[in-house]
Amino acid sequence: MGQSSSARLTGRPKDTEKITRCGPVSKRSCTDVPCCLLFLLFLVGFVIVTLWSFAMGDYRRVVYPTNSKGQVCGRDVPGRPYLYFFDLSLCLRMAPVAVFTGCPTPQVCVSSCPDYYWSWKSPYNTPNPLSARELMICLDGRNATDPEFFDVPIDELVRTRKCAPYTYNSKPVFGRCMPSQITRLLSNGTGRIYDNAGQQIVLTDAQEKRVSGVSVVRGREALIHMTSVFFWPLLPLVLELLVIAQVLFVSISLRSISDPVMVQDSNNQTLPPLSSEEKARKDLQEFFKLIPCDPLINSSAGKACRFLYYGDRKYTIFLQFFNVFMFFWLVNFVRSLAEMTLAGTFAHFYYSRNDPSTMPKYPLLQSFYRAAVFHIGSLALGSLLLAIFQWLRLLLEYVDAKLKKFDNGCTRICSRCCCCFLWCLERFIRFLNRNAFIMIAIHGQNFCSAARTAFNLLARNLVRVFVVDKVTDFLLFVGKLVVIVISDEQRVGIRMLCMLRMKRTKQTDSHTAWDRIFSTSIPAKQKSGCFTS
């Protein structure tokens, strides 16, 4: 009677009752093998794309400032080492699509970044048209006093995009002229953020949110007995940084492919010895040319050959989409691996609290081993679902950016509704994944069975789960705020209170205070999120 009422209260399935009494099962078999093979296949494809983009592209063409004609500022355009964007707001409006497709505004090389503001709609501080023309920045880095532009009205120069509609006070950042507000934001506070936040973070109940649906941890006691958990967030963080670095490298290399300006005829020229990087790129190019490809078979084969050997830029957009998809998949995979590892670790403690002799010596390593050896397929399937929805959301953003020129209200509404639906679905899948990984860590089930068990368990304890999850979210949010406040040596919170009482007579000081608040708060939030999410 008591056992049945207890099982009914906790919502524990009858078929897993015996298993959960002894903790995570030790005898396991590989789960979701087809998904594991699919994941490995995509990984191989991602490696091939990385090597191909390295062989056919040159990341330096994108890293170094390059104007709209493909000329490298300071090298192909001597005396003009900086890149100026005609309308930087277009780049911001298309973000993050602009990272992969480029900024759709003219970009010119200039000798120095402008240190003044000017707009063609309100040409203040310009008593005569000649002074206004001297302040303008036009194609090839010239101003409007150039003979080519002198006889053309200013509004016509702006309308035909021969000259920038405005100039902004800017400073060079990696060879690009960025608004001075951004450079001040980067320099005011970030250089003074010390690493004391990491020392003051208290990880009590930090991992509760990961297992809130099934309640297999007792928070502080588990952390005291398993100090290795304190250092566990470092491994997922390093793996995510490696994924981000590779994705950025592939994206930059793909954008640099098939730049006709950079193709130089080396006949009758004495070339310097190749560096190790250039030699590796040349060897990879020769390797790809060994792949059979006969353009005489049909026209499509000819296109494939050109794409394979010369990197036709027209086709690299598809590889960019693949690159973004792999970014989402790999990042979600790393996070899922971290969640399952922690779930198994805390499950060891929970089920051995009455009998410490059953506690393994290295629970974290043992849990990581089980997740990495037996459940790669389940992790790949769960992260694949998240990656698909995230990739579709980004694809809709890309399509929406392309359709903005048509100014169709119905299309924008449909796009926003689809994005909202995908966002809600992604949140639900993420929540279900987290609890499914807990069930996998304990019972060793496949993903679908674990998701079904977790869903039924949550449905039978809906009110309890909702209350615990929301209370935990609130406590973690408060914890993040505390970390943010104590991160800066001068206390961001005190600085904000002082700033609110500051008289608005000195606008520069007010901006500086806001800059320091944001420059210290944002990194502190990211740092606290590594330990409290």
Foldseek 3Di string as FASTA:
>chain_A
DVVVVVCLQLVADPVCPVQLLQWFDDDFFFFQVVLLVVVVVLVVVLVVLLLLLLLQFDLCLVLADAWPLSDGACPSLNLFRAKEWLDCVQVVLLPPVCLQVNRPTGIETENAADQDKAAPVDGPPQPDVVSNQCPKAFHNRHTCVPPVRVPPDPVVCCVVRRIRRMGARFHDDSRYTDHVLVVLLQPQAQVQFDPCLLVPFDLFCLCCLLALLNPLADGPVLCVVAVVVSVLLVVLVVQLVVLVVSLSSSSSSLVRAPSVVPDDDCPPHDDDDDDPSNVSSNVSLVVLVVPDQDCVVDVVSVVVVCCSNRNDSVPSVVVNLSSLLVSQLSSQLSVLLSLLLVLLLSSLCRSCVVPVVSRDPNRSVVSSVCCVPRYSSQSSVLSNVLSVLVSVLVVLSNVCSVCVVVVDPVSVVVSVVSNVVSVVVSVVSVVLSSQLSSQCSRHVHHSVVSSVSSVSSCVSVVVSSVVSNVVLVVVLVVSLVVSLQVRGPVGLVVLVVVLVPDDCPDVVVNSSNVSNSVSSRVVSSVVSVSSRD
